[in-house]
Protein backbone atom coordinates (compact mmCIF):
# COMPACT_ATOMS: atom_id res chain seq x y z
CA UNK A 1 0.02 -0.12 0.07
CA UNK A 2 2.66 2.41 0.59
CA UNK A 3 4.32 1.88 -2.88
CA UNK A 4 0.99 2.78 -4.26
CA UNK A 5 0.61 5.81 -2.28
CA UNK A 6 3.63 6.80 -4.25
CA UNK A 7 1.58 6.81 -7.22
CA UNK A 8 -1.72 8.63 -6.16
CA UNK A 9 -3.14 8.36 -9.80
CA UNK A 10 -2.46 4.74 -9.97
CA UNK A 11 -4.39 4.14 -6.75
CA UNK A 12 -7.12 6.11 -8.28
CA UNK A 13 -7.39 3.83 -11.25
CA UNK A 14 -7.15 0.51 -9.74
CA UNK A 15 -9.98 1.60 -7.28
CA UNK A 16 -12.04 2.77 -9.98
CA UNK A 17 -11.48 -0.44 -12.05
CA UNK A 18 -12.33 -2.59 -8.61
CA UNK A 19 -15.48 -0.50 -8.28
CA UNK A 20 -16.42 -1.15 -11.87
CA UNK A 21 -15.57 -4.72 -11.64
CA UNK A 22 -17.84 -5.57 -8.75
CA UNK A 23 -20.60 -3.56 -10.69
CA UNK A 24 -20.30 -5.73 -13.50
CA UNK A 25 -20.36 -8.87 -11.42
CA UNK A 26 -22.91 -11.59 -12.52
CA UNK A 27 -24.46 -13.38 -9.60
CA UNK A 28 -22.98 -16.96 -9.23
CA UNK A 29 -26.31 -18.35 -9.54
CA UNK A 30 -26.90 -17.17 -12.98
CA UNK A 31 -25.28 -19.00 -16.41
CA UNK A 32 -22.19 -17.11 -16.95
CA UNK A 33 -22.10 -15.39 -20.11
CA UNK A 34 -19.88 -17.46 -22.33
CA UNK A 35 -21.79 -20.60 -21.14
CA UNK A 36 -25.10 -18.76 -21.79
CA UNK A 37 -23.83 -17.82 -25.24
CA UNK A 38 -23.13 -21.67 -26.38
CA UNK A 39 -26.46 -22.63 -24.36
CA UNK A 40 -28.29 -19.97 -26.82
CA UNK A 41 -26.87 -20.93 -30.00
CA UNK A 42 -27.75 -24.54 -29.57
CA UNK A 43 -31.20 -23.67 -28.22
CA UNK A 44 -31.94 -21.40 -30.80
CA UNK A 45 -30.83 -24.28 -33.62
CA UNK A 46 -33.41 -26.63 -31.57
CA UNK A 47 -36.07 -24.21 -31.77
CA UNK A 48 -35.77 -23.73 -35.44
CA UNK A 49 -35.86 -27.84 -35.72
CA UNK A 50 -38.81 -27.66 -33.40
CA UNK A 51 -40.75 -25.27 -35.26
CA UNK A 52 -40.49 -27.34 -38.23
CA UNK A 53 -42.35 -29.94 -36.69
CA UNK A 54 -46.14 -30.89 -36.79
CA UNK A 55 -48.37 -30.35 -33.84
CA UNK A 56 -48.35 -33.98 -33.06
CA UNK A 57 -44.74 -34.22 -32.37
CA UNK A 58 -44.72 -32.31 -29.31
CA UNK A 59 -42.71 -34.71 -27.66
CA UNK A 60 -39.98 -34.88 -30.17
CA UNK A 61 -39.66 -30.92 -29.97
CA UNK A 62 -39.30 -31.12 -26.07
CA UNK A 63 -36.51 -34.02 -26.77
CA UNK A 64 -34.44 -31.32 -28.63
CA UNK A 65 -34.69 -28.82 -25.50
CA UNK A 66 -33.86 -31.51 -23.36
CA UNK A 67 -30.74 -32.45 -25.01
CA UNK A 68 -29.43 -28.96 -24.96
CA UNK A 69 -29.95 -28.56 -21.36
CA UNK A 70 -28.44 -32.21 -20.78
CA UNK A 71 -25.40 -31.03 -23.02
CA UNK A 72 -24.50 -27.96 -21.06
CA UNK A 73 -25.43 -29.67 -18.00
CA UNK A 74 -28.21 -27.06 -16.74
CA UNK A 75 -31.90 -27.49 -15.74
CA UNK A 76 -34.41 -25.56 -17.68
CA UNK A 77 -35.54 -23.79 -14.53
CA UNK A 78 -31.58 -22.38 -14.24
CA UNK A 79 -32.03 -21.34 -17.85
CA UNK A 80 -35.28 -19.54 -17.19
CA UNK A 81 -33.89 -17.85 -14.33
CA UNK A 82 -30.78 -17.08 -16.18
CA UNK A 83 -32.83 -15.57 -18.96
CA UNK A 84 -34.85 -13.34 -16.35
CA UNK A 85 -31.81 -11.58 -15.37
CA UNK A 86 -30.33 -11.39 -18.69
CA UNK A 87 -33.26 -9.78 -19.98
CA UNK A 88 -33.32 -7.14 -17.40
CA UNK A 89 -29.53 -6.61 -17.98
CA UNK A 90 -29.87 -5.93 -21.47
CA UNK A 91 -26.23 -4.64 -22.13
CA UNK A 92 -24.85 -8.25 -21.34
CA UNK A 93 -27.56 -10.03 -23.41
CA UNK A 94 -26.97 -7.73 -26.38
CA UNK A 95 -23.15 -8.57 -26.26
CA UNK A 96 -24.09 -12.15 -26.53
CA UNK A 97 -26.68 -11.96 -29.55
CA UNK A 98 -24.04 -9.98 -31.06
CA UNK A 99 -21.67 -12.92 -30.87
CA UNK A 100 -24.32 -15.38 -31.63
CA UNK A 101 -25.27 -13.26 -34.86
CA UNK A 102 -21.48 -13.45 -36.27
CA UNK A 103 -21.59 -17.37 -35.43
CA UNK A 104 -24.88 -18.18 -37.05
CA UNK A 105 -23.58 -15.87 -40.16
CA UNK A 106 -20.51 -17.59 -40.16
CA UNK A 107 -22.25 -21.08 -40.27
CA UNK A 108 -24.58 -19.96 -43.05
CA UNK A 109 -21.61 -18.92 -45.09
CA UNK A 110 -19.61 -22.33 -44.76
CA UNK A 111 -22.85 -24.34 -45.34
CA UNK A 112 -23.60 -22.38 -48.57
CA UNK A 113 -20.21 -22.87 -49.96
CA UNK A 114 -20.35 -26.57 -49.14
CA UNK A 115 -23.74 -26.98 -50.82
CA UNK A 116 -22.44 -25.00 -53.98
CA UNK A 117 -19.56 -26.93 -53.85
CA UNK A 118 -21.58 -30.17 -53.62
CA UNK A 119 -23.96 -29.31 -56.23
CA UNK A 120 -21.60 -27.70 -58.59
CA UNK A 121 -23.62 -24.62 -58.54
CA UNK A 122 -22.89 -20.98 -57.83
CA UNK A 123 -24.76 -18.36 -56.20
CA UNK A 124 -27.68 -16.89 -57.98
CA UNK A 125 -26.63 -13.37 -59.64
CA UNK A 126 -28.77 -10.30 -59.26
CA UNK A 127 -30.39 -10.14 -62.45
CA UNK A 128 -31.74 -13.78 -62.07
CA UNK A 129 -35.31 -14.61 -62.42
CA UNK A 130 -35.45 -15.55 -58.54
CA UNK A 131 -33.16 -13.50 -56.60
CA UNK A 132 -32.47 -12.99 -52.80
CA UNK A 133 -31.94 -9.16 -52.57
CA UNK A 134 -31.65 -9.10 -48.82
CA UNK A 135 -28.22 -7.45 -47.98
CA UNK A 136 -28.70 -6.41 -44.57
CA UNK A 137 -27.99 -8.68 -41.34
CA UNK A 138 -29.57 -12.43 -41.33
CA UNK A 139 -30.48 -12.11 -37.80
CA UNK A 140 -31.94 -9.38 -35.42
CA UNK A 141 -33.01 -9.57 -31.44
CA UNK A 142 -35.73 -7.18 -30.79
CA UNK A 143 -37.05 -6.26 -27.28
CA UNK A 144 -39.23 -4.08 -25.73
CA UNK A 145 -37.12 -1.04 -25.56
CA UNK A 146 -37.94 1.75 -27.98
CA UNK A 147 -34.28 1.78 -29.36
CA UNK A 148 -34.10 -1.95 -30.00
CA UNK A 149 -37.93 -3.04 -30.74
CA UNK A 150 -37.74 -2.28 -34.61
CA UNK A 151 -35.68 -3.47 -37.74
CA UNK A 152 -35.83 -1.12 -40.56
CA UNK A 153 -34.85 -1.61 -44.21
CA UNK A 154 -34.86 0.05 -47.44
CA UNK A 155 -33.73 -0.92 -51.21
CA UNK A 156 -33.54 1.20 -53.95
CA UNK A 157 -34.89 -0.51 -57.12
CA UNK A 158 -32.68 -0.86 -59.96
CA UNK A 159 -32.88 -1.72 -63.56
CA UNK A 160 -33.20 -5.74 -62.83
CA UNK A 161 -36.62 -5.03 -61.38
CA UNK A 162 -39.57 -5.45 -63.43
CA UNK A 163 -43.29 -4.01 -62.84
CA UNK A 164 -45.72 -6.45 -61.00
CA UNK A 165 -42.38 -8.46 -59.73
CA UNK A 166 -43.31 -10.49 -56.76
CA UNK A 167 -41.55 -10.05 -53.28
CA UNK A 168 -41.70 -12.37 -50.17
CA UNK A 169 -40.12 -11.48 -47.22
CA UNK A 170 -38.86 -14.32 -44.94
CA UNK A 171 -37.72 -14.98 -41.44
CA UNK A 172 -37.60 -17.50 -38.63
CA UNK A 173 -39.08 -16.07 -35.58
CA UNK A 174 -38.37 -17.19 -31.92
CA UNK A 175 -40.19 -15.51 -29.06
CA UNK A 176 -38.88 -15.85 -25.22
CA UNK A 177 -40.43 -16.41 -22.90
CA UNK A 178 -42.41 -18.75 -25.19
CA UNK A 179 -45.86 -17.88 -23.59
CA UNK A 180 -47.27 -14.72 -23.56
CA UNK A 181 -44.17 -13.01 -25.29
CA UNK A 182 -45.66 -10.31 -27.23
CA UNK A 183 -46.48 -10.17 -31.06
CA UNK A 184 -44.26 -8.97 -34.10
CA UNK A 185 -45.02 -7.63 -37.29
CA UNK A 186 -43.49 -7.90 -40.80
CA UNK A 187 -44.19 -5.26 -43.30
CA UNK A 188 -43.53 -4.15 -46.94
CA UNK A 189 -44.08 -1.00 -48.62
CA UNK A 190 -43.54 -0.42 -52.46
CA UNK A 191 -43.11 3.11 -53.94
CA UNK A 192 -43.18 3.37 -57.46
CA UNK A 193 -41.75 5.46 -59.79
CA UNK A 194 -45.20 7.60 -60.39
CA UNK A 195 -44.82 8.11 -56.23
CA UNK A 196 -47.62 5.64 -55.66
CA UNK A 197 -47.78 3.20 -52.98
CA UNK A 198 -48.84 -0.05 -51.98
CA UNK A 199 -47.84 -1.98 -48.73
CA UNK A 200 -48.82 -5.29 -46.70
CA UNK A 201 -48.32 -6.03 -42.92
CA UNK A 202 -49.07 -9.32 -41.21
CA UNK A 203 -48.71 -10.23 -37.46
CA UNK A 204 -46.45 -13.25 -37.08
CA UNK A 205 -46.21 -16.45 -35.22
CA UNK A 206 -43.35 -18.50 -33.82
CA UNK A 207 -41.37 -20.33 -36.53
CA UNK A 208 -40.75 -19.87 -40.07
CA UNK A 209 -43.07 -17.08 -41.41
CA UNK A 210 -43.46 -15.57 -44.94
CA UNK A 211 -44.99 -12.22 -46.26
CA UNK A 212 -46.10 -12.56 -49.78
CA UNK A 213 -46.34 -9.70 -51.72
CA UNK A 214 -47.97 -9.39 -55.30
CA UNK A 215 -48.04 -5.46 -56.33
CA UNK A 216 -51.20 -4.86 -58.42
CA UNK A 217 -49.57 -1.55 -60.19
CA UNK A 218 -48.24 -1.61 -63.65
CA UNK A 219 -45.80 1.12 -62.71
CA UNK A 220 -42.15 0.57 -62.18
CA UNK A 221 -40.50 -0.09 -58.79
CA UNK A 222 -38.73 2.94 -57.09
CA UNK A 223 -37.85 1.75 -53.82
CA UNK A 224 -38.73 -1.22 -51.05
CA UNK A 225 -39.24 -0.49 -47.65
CA UNK A 226 -39.71 -2.87 -45.11
CA UNK A 227 -39.60 -3.44 -41.10
CA UNK A 228 -40.13 -6.25 -38.38
CA UNK A 229 -41.49 -4.89 -35.11
CA UNK A 230 -41.84 -6.10 -31.87
CA UNK A 231 -44.47 -5.17 -29.22
CA UNK A 232 -44.66 -7.04 -25.63
CA UNK A 233 -48.27 -8.10 -24.38
CA UNK A 234 -47.29 -5.82 -21.10
CA UNK A 235 -45.31 -2.42 -21.48
CA UNK A 236 -43.23 -3.55 -18.41
CA UNK A 237 -42.56 -7.06 -19.95
CA UNK A 238 -39.26 -8.30 -20.24
CA UNK A 239 -39.70 -10.30 -23.48
CA UNK A 240 -37.88 -10.38 -26.80
CA UNK A 241 -38.01 -12.15 -30.32
CA UNK A 242 -35.29 -13.70 -32.45
CA UNK A 243 -35.88 -12.96 -36.18
CA UNK A 244 -33.09 -14.74 -38.07
CA UNK A 245 -32.55 -16.51 -41.48
CA UNK A 246 -33.89 -13.25 -42.90
CA UNK A 247 -34.44 -13.43 -46.74
CA UNK A 248 -36.11 -11.25 -48.93
CA UNK A 249 -36.93 -12.58 -52.78
CA UNK A 250 -37.60 -11.27 -55.64
CA UNK A 251 -39.52 -13.11 -58.45
CA UNK A 252 -39.93 -12.55 -62.07
CA UNK A 253 -42.98 -14.51 -63.14
CA UNK A 254 -45.46 -14.49 -66.00
CA UNK A 255 -48.94 -13.66 -65.15
CA UNK A 256 -50.42 -17.00 -65.02
CA UNK A 257 -47.51 -18.38 -62.90
CA UNK A 258 -47.81 -15.78 -60.63
CA UNK A 259 -50.86 -17.09 -59.04
CA UNK A 260 -49.26 -20.45 -58.50
CA UNK A 261 -46.33 -19.26 -56.87
CA UNK A 262 -48.43 -18.17 -53.60
CA UNK A 263 -49.12 -21.46 -52.77
CA UNK A 264 -45.62 -22.13 -51.77
CA UNK A 265 -46.48 -20.20 -48.51
CA UNK A 266 -45.25 -21.79 -45.29
CA UNK A 267 -47.84 -24.33 -43.68
CA UNK A 268 -48.02 -22.50 -40.68
CA UNK A 269 -49.87 -19.57 -42.78
CA UNK A 270 -53.53 -20.03 -42.04
CA UNK A 271 -56.27 -19.27 -44.66
CA UNK A 272 -57.78 -16.96 -42.42
CA UNK A 273 -54.78 -14.78 -41.84
CA UNK A 274 -54.88 -13.48 -45.33
CA UNK A 275 -57.67 -10.88 -44.47
CA UNK A 276 -55.24 -9.52 -41.76
CA UNK A 277 -52.42 -9.28 -44.22
CA UNK A 278 -53.90 -6.93 -46.76
CA UNK A 279 -53.66 -3.01 -45.60
CA UNK A 280 -55.83 -0.45 -47.27
CA UNK A 281 -54.22 2.10 -49.26
CA UNK A 282 -55.00 5.08 -47.05
CA UNK A 283 -53.70 3.78 -43.98
CA UNK A 284 -50.59 2.62 -45.67
CA UNK A 285 -49.35 6.40 -46.67
CA UNK A 286 -49.96 7.15 -42.86
CA UNK A 287 -47.71 4.19 -41.71
CA UNK A 288 -45.19 4.78 -44.32
CA UNK A 289 -44.57 8.25 -43.06
CA UNK A 290 -43.91 6.75 -39.37
CA UNK A 291 -41.24 3.84 -41.22
CA UNK A 292 -39.54 6.57 -42.94
CA UNK A 293 -38.96 8.43 -39.34
CA UNK A 294 -37.38 5.09 -38.15
CA UNK A 295 -33.85 4.26 -37.91
CA UNK A 296 -32.53 1.10 -38.67
CA UNK A 297 -31.27 -1.24 -35.21
CA UNK A 298 -27.88 -0.51 -34.77
CA UNK A 299 -25.61 -2.97 -32.77
C-alpha cells in the first residue's frame, strides 16, 4: 500500500477499476456469459428444428430442448431464471446476441459454400429470375425497448426490377419467453416511379413466416421499404423475439404463373390470416410516414 501511495493516480485507477468490476459482476447462480452464449446457440438451433415439426410431434420438440439442457449441464429452471436476469440487464444480453449473430452468419456462409461445392452450382446473380435481394444482417434480436424494438430496411430498385415483380419477405421467429411474449409484425411498402405506393403487413407466429406481396400496379418500382416490429404483451414485460434467417426474394414470373407461386407459402400460414395481411392504401401512406422516421437498429 505504501508503494501505491507514491503513485496516487495509479491508486485511483485501480480503485475505480475494482468498483467497475464489482458493478459488472454476474451472480454466481446465473449462467455466465460465455456458457450462456454457447447454450443459446444450441437452443435456437433446437427451436428452429422444433418449429418445423407438426403439432402432433410435441414430444420430439421437447426432446430437442432436453438434449440442449443435458449437453450444457443445466436445468430448464436454471436457464429460465438466467434469462430473466439477462433480459433485465440488456447490455450483457445484447453482447451475447451480437456474438451469436456473427457465429450464425459464419456458419451460414460455410454451409452455402459446402452446398454449392457439392451441387456444382454458384450463387444466383442479381439479374436472375429469382433472387434473394436481402443484403442486411440475417439475424435481429428485438426487445421491448424503443431503441431495439424494430428493424427497418430499404432498397432502391435498380434496372433488374420489372413491373409486377413478386416480393417475399421471409424470417424465422423465436419468442422468449415462449408464452405471452408479445407479438411481432412484418411489413413491406412499395414506392413506384409515379410516387404511388402499396403496402402489406401481417402479425407473425413463432417459426418460419413469409409475407407474400404481389403488387397490382403496372408502374416501375422505385423503392422498397420494410420493417420487423416487436411489441410485448405488457409495457413492462421483459420479453424479446429473435428474427433469424431473414431473406427478401424477388420473383420475375409470368402472369399465369404468379397465382401458383402463392401456394408455396409456409404451412404455418393459415388461410384466415389473408384478410389481416392486406392493408388499405389510405392507411399505408400514414404508416409509411412513420416508418421513414424510424432508424435501422444498430448493434
